[in-house]
Structures are given as structure tokens and as C-alpha cells.
Amino acid sequence: MKRNSIVGVAGNITRPSRTASLVAAVLAEITARGDAQSRLVELVDIGPELFQAVAPHAFESFEAFASARLSSHVRSVIKAIEAADALVVGTPVYKGSYTGALKHLFDLIPPNALAGKLVLLAATGGTPLHGLVIEHQLRPLFGFFKALTMPASIFALESDFQDYRIEHAALTERIRRAADDITELLAMQSARRLEPAARAIA
């Protein structure tokens, strides 16, 4: 049976990063639960190449745009996001919103490429009020893409980390619960994909 592919996108534009640590921890919990492989993308690594490209609407097709304006590295990231069975998307909160680099990345993804894809949302911020970014900014973004955002999200405070490592037990428990939820839904999706083949054999 095909292993589920999980791509984590961390919107950090500096390193080290609490956001990248959070997304990596979620990916580790998901892959520990069964047949899944993961890839972590940090925007600090692709930012310089990412901003060489503008929105693709001026080209005949996204493929023509990608060939003309995107490096092979950025194209591989976009293809991985599009092909993934699920995404874990996390961002630090800047000026009351997600990072501009994160928005620019998703501006380069075709509108229907994420339809029906499971997305677990996460964010890091300095105060509990920053957690509203998930509901008021991130969830509408992926609603535009017709993605299936998980009902439960993960918000972490700076105080949940020590030297950029997760130290707070309550945050670790939230990560585990979120990993359980998305793993269960991935298993349900996989079972539905196998049903037509099973009926054909029967």
C-alpha cells in the first residue's frame, strides 16, 4: 500500500525558528504513527529564489510560468505540496498575520491544486491573542483552495520553548492529539481510495 506523503511548510524567514521546531515535531508524531513519509520545507531556505517569481496569471499555463520563472528547487517544493496527501502549515505571527513569504509561496500554487487536501494549521506568537491568526487568516486562505483544514489547530507561545526546543508538556500533548486526528483521517481517505479496487476484485 502507498505510504502517505506529508509535507510540512514552516513560514519562518530566520533560523533557528520556533515555528520550524513546531512543524517538525508535528511531522515526527505523524510519521511515528504508521505508513507516512514527511518532508519539511522552511521558507528561509527558498525565500531568495521564491521572490524572483511573480504571480503566474500573465502566462498561458502554470507550467509555462514555472519553467520561465521558478528555479528547480522551488518547483520541487511546489510539486511536493501539490502531491502531498496532507500538509502541516505553520507560521510565526508578524504584525497580526502570517508571513509574507508564506503568502507568496501559496500565491504561486494553482487555485485547484489543494482541493480536498488535509491541512493541519499551526502558528507561533508572543501572546495568546496571536492565536486568532489561525482562524482569521490561515483558515480562510486554505478555504480559498478548497482544502480540508483540520478542526483543531496548534498555537504555541514563545514561552513554550527553551532554546527553540519544545519544553511545555501541554503543547506536546496538543501535538500528539493533532497527529492522532490527522492520521485517523488519512487512514479513512486511504480506505475510501481502495474501495473501488476491492469491489472490482470481489
Protein backbone atom coordinates (compact mmCIF):
# COMPACT_ATOMS: atom_id res chain seq x y z
CA MET A 1 0.00 0.00 0.00
CA LYS A 2 1.22 3.51 -0.86
CA ARG A 3 2.68 5.46 2.05
CA ASN A 4 1.02 8.77 2.82
CA SER A 5 3.11 11.82 1.97
CA ILE A 6 3.06 14.65 4.49
CA VAL A 7 4.68 18.00 3.69
CA GLY A 8 5.34 20.49 6.44
CA VAL A 9 5.64 24.14 5.45
CA ALA A 10 7.22 26.43 8.05
CA GLY A 11 6.83 30.12 7.30
CA ASN A 12 9.95 31.17 9.16
CA ILE A 13 12.31 33.56 7.40
CA THR A 14 15.08 33.23 10.01
CA ARG A 15 16.88 30.33 11.67
CA PRO A 16 16.74 28.98 14.33
CA SER A 17 12.97 29.05 14.39
CA ARG A 18 10.31 28.05 16.91
CA THR A 19 7.86 27.64 14.07
CA ALA A 20 10.12 25.18 12.25
CA SER A 21 10.59 23.26 15.50
CA LEU A 22 6.82 23.07 15.97
CA VAL A 23 6.13 21.88 12.42
CA ALA A 24 8.97 19.34 12.64
CA ALA A 25 7.56 17.99 15.92
CA VAL A 26 4.14 17.52 14.33
CA LEU A 27 5.66 15.71 11.33
CA ALA A 28 7.61 13.42 13.65
CA GLU A 29 4.46 12.49 15.57
CA ILE A 30 2.54 11.76 12.38
CA THR A 31 5.26 9.61 10.83
CA ALA A 32 5.67 7.71 14.11
CA ARG A 33 2.07 6.53 13.81
CA GLY A 34 2.31 4.46 10.66
CA ASP A 35 2.83 4.45 6.93
CA ALA A 36 3.78 8.05 6.25
CA GLN A 37 6.81 9.86 4.91
CA SER A 38 7.41 13.53 5.53
CA ARG A 39 9.32 16.50 4.17
CA LEU A 40 9.89 19.79 5.97
CA VAL A 41 10.12 22.99 3.92
CA GLU A 42 11.42 26.12 5.67
CA LEU A 43 10.87 29.35 3.79
CA VAL A 44 14.23 30.65 4.98
CA ASP A 45 15.76 28.14 2.56
CA ILE A 46 13.77 29.08 -0.54
CA GLY A 47 12.96 32.76 0.09
CA PRO A 48 15.68 34.27 -2.15
CA GLU A 49 14.59 32.09 -5.07
CA LEU A 50 10.89 32.40 -4.27
CA PHE A 51 10.83 36.16 -4.63
CA GLN A 52 12.35 36.01 -8.11
CA ALA A 53 8.88 34.96 -9.29
CA VAL A 54 5.70 36.99 -9.51
CA ALA A 55 2.14 35.71 -9.78
CA PRO A 56 1.64 33.35 -12.75
CA HIS A 57 -1.51 34.93 -14.25
CA ALA A 58 0.42 36.55 -17.12
CA PHE A 59 1.40 33.15 -18.57
CA GLU A 60 -0.63 30.75 -20.71
CA SER A 61 -0.29 28.00 -18.13
CA PHE A 62 1.24 27.42 -14.75
CA GLU A 63 3.70 25.02 -16.35
CA ALA A 64 4.95 27.77 -18.68
CA PHE A 65 5.26 30.16 -15.75
CA ALA A 66 7.14 27.62 -13.64
CA SER A 67 9.59 26.85 -16.40
CA ALA A 68 10.28 30.52 -17.05
CA ARG A 69 10.44 31.97 -13.56
CA LEU A 70 10.98 29.31 -10.89
CA SER A 71 14.21 27.51 -10.02
CA SER A 72 14.20 23.72 -9.99
CA HIS A 73 14.42 23.85 -6.19
CA VAL A 74 11.24 25.94 -5.82
CA ARG A 75 9.45 23.86 -8.47
CA SER A 76 10.25 20.72 -6.49
CA VAL A 77 8.76 22.31 -3.36
CA ILE A 78 5.56 23.29 -5.16
CA LYS A 79 5.24 19.83 -6.73
CA ALA A 80 5.72 18.21 -3.32
CA ILE A 81 2.99 20.41 -1.80
CA GLU A 82 0.60 19.60 -4.65
CA ALA A 83 1.30 15.85 -4.49
CA ALA A 84 1.13 15.51 -0.71
CA ASP A 85 -1.71 13.64 0.95
CA ALA A 86 -1.65 16.19 3.77
CA LEU A 87 0.05 19.43 4.75
CA VAL A 88 1.18 20.82 8.08
CA VAL A 89 1.41 24.58 7.67
CA GLY A 90 2.88 26.75 10.40
CA THR A 91 3.78 30.42 10.59
CA PRO A 92 5.22 32.90 13.04
CA VAL A 93 2.85 35.79 13.62
CA TYR A 94 4.18 39.12 12.31
CA LYS A 95 2.12 42.32 12.54
CA GLY A 96 -1.05 40.35 13.23
CA SER A 97 -0.74 37.99 10.26
CA TYR A 98 1.22 35.15 8.66
CA THR A 99 4.50 35.92 6.95
CA GLY A 100 4.56 37.50 3.51
CA ALA A 101 6.88 34.74 2.32
CA LEU A 102 4.27 32.11 3.21
CA LYS A 103 1.58 34.00 1.31
CA HIS A 104 3.86 34.41 -1.69
CA LEU A 105 4.55 30.68 -1.80
CA PHE A 106 0.85 29.87 -1.91
CA ASP A 107 0.25 32.64 -4.45
CA LEU A 108 2.38 30.51 -6.79
CA ILE A 109 0.22 27.42 -6.37
CA PRO A 110 -2.69 26.91 -8.81
CA PRO A 111 -6.12 27.54 -7.23
CA ASN A 112 -7.39 23.95 -7.58
CA ALA A 113 -4.16 22.16 -6.66
CA LEU A 114 -5.05 21.70 -2.98
CA ALA A 115 -8.75 20.84 -3.31
CA GLY A 116 -9.71 18.13 -0.81
CA LYS A 117 -6.25 18.01 0.77
CA LEU A 118 -6.00 17.69 4.55
CA VAL A 119 -4.24 20.65 6.16
CA LEU A 120 -3.23 20.97 9.81
CA LEU A 121 -2.71 24.62 10.78
CA ALA A 122 -0.19 25.90 13.32
CA ALA A 123 1.30 29.19 14.44
CA THR A 124 3.69 30.66 16.99
CA GLY A 125 3.38 34.03 18.64
CA GLY A 126 4.25 36.18 21.60
CA THR A 127 0.79 36.40 23.21
CA PRO A 128 -2.34 34.20 23.25
CA LEU A 129 -4.15 36.80 21.13
CA HIS A 130 -1.87 35.94 18.23
CA GLY A 131 -3.61 32.55 18.08
CA LEU A 132 -6.54 34.27 16.32
CA VAL A 133 -4.37 34.43 13.20
CA ILE A 134 -5.10 30.76 12.60
CA GLU A 135 -8.86 31.29 12.45
CA HIS A 136 -8.98 34.71 10.81
CA GLN A 137 -6.04 34.44 8.40
CA LEU A 138 -4.81 30.89 7.75
CA ARG A 139 -8.14 29.06 7.66
CA PRO A 140 -9.68 31.44 5.07
CA LEU A 141 -6.53 31.13 2.93
CA PHE A 142 -6.93 27.37 2.66
CA GLY A 143 -10.68 27.72 2.31
CA PHE A 144 -9.95 29.55 -0.94
CA PHE A 145 -8.01 26.49 -2.10
CA LYS A 146 -10.94 24.21 -1.11
CA ALA A 147 -8.58 22.32 1.21
CA LEU A 148 -9.92 20.44 4.23
CA THR A 149 -8.44 22.18 7.26
CA MET A 150 -8.42 20.13 10.45
CA PRO A 151 -10.90 21.45 13.05
CA ALA A 152 -8.22 21.52 15.75
CA SER A 153 -5.13 23.67 15.23
CA ILE A 154 -1.93 24.22 17.21
CA PHE A 155 -0.83 27.56 18.59
CA ALA A 156 2.38 27.87 20.60
CA LEU A 157 3.74 30.72 22.67
CA GLU A 158 7.37 31.71 22.85
CA SER A 159 7.28 30.56 26.48
CA ASP A 160 6.52 27.00 25.30
CA PHE A 161 10.09 26.74 24.00
CA GLN A 162 13.53 26.67 25.54
CA ASP A 163 16.38 27.40 23.15
CA TYR A 164 13.93 26.81 20.28
CA ARG A 165 13.04 23.33 21.57
CA ILE A 166 9.55 22.46 22.78
CA GLU A 167 9.58 22.27 26.57
CA HIS A 168 5.94 22.67 27.60
CA ALA A 169 4.12 19.39 28.26
CA ALA A 170 0.72 20.80 27.33
CA LEU A 171 1.98 21.76 23.86
CA THR A 172 3.46 18.29 23.38
CA GLU A 173 0.10 16.79 24.26
CA ARG A 174 -1.72 19.05 21.77
CA ILE A 175 0.72 17.96 19.08
CA ARG A 176 0.03 14.30 19.86
CA ARG A 177 -3.73 14.77 19.69
CA ALA A 178 -3.46 16.62 16.39
CA ALA A 179 -1.26 13.86 14.99
CA ASP A 180 -3.81 11.26 16.08
CA ASP A 181 -6.62 13.17 14.37
CA ILE A 182 -4.92 13.68 11.03
CA THR A 183 -3.57 10.10 10.99
CA GLU A 184 -7.09 8.78 11.51
CA LEU A 185 -8.49 10.89 8.68
CA LEU A 186 -5.65 9.88 6.36
CA ALA A 187 -6.44 6.22 7.08
CA MET A 188 -10.10 6.84 6.26
CA GLN A 189 -9.18 8.53 2.99
CA SER A 190 -6.84 5.67 2.07
CA ALA A 191 -9.59 3.13 2.78
CA ARG A 192 -12.02 5.01 0.53
CA ARG A 193 -9.47 5.06 -2.29
CA LEU A 194 -9.10 1.27 -2.01
CA GLU A 195 -12.85 0.53 -2.03
CA PRO A 196 -13.33 0.59 -5.84
CA ALA A 197 -10.43 -1.82 -6.35
CA ALA A 198 -11.74 -4.11 -3.61
CA ARG A 199 -15.22 -4.18 -5.19
CA ALA A 200 -13.71 -4.91 -8.61
CA ILE A 201 -11.78 -7.90 -7.22
CA ALA A 202 -14.88 -9.20 -5.44
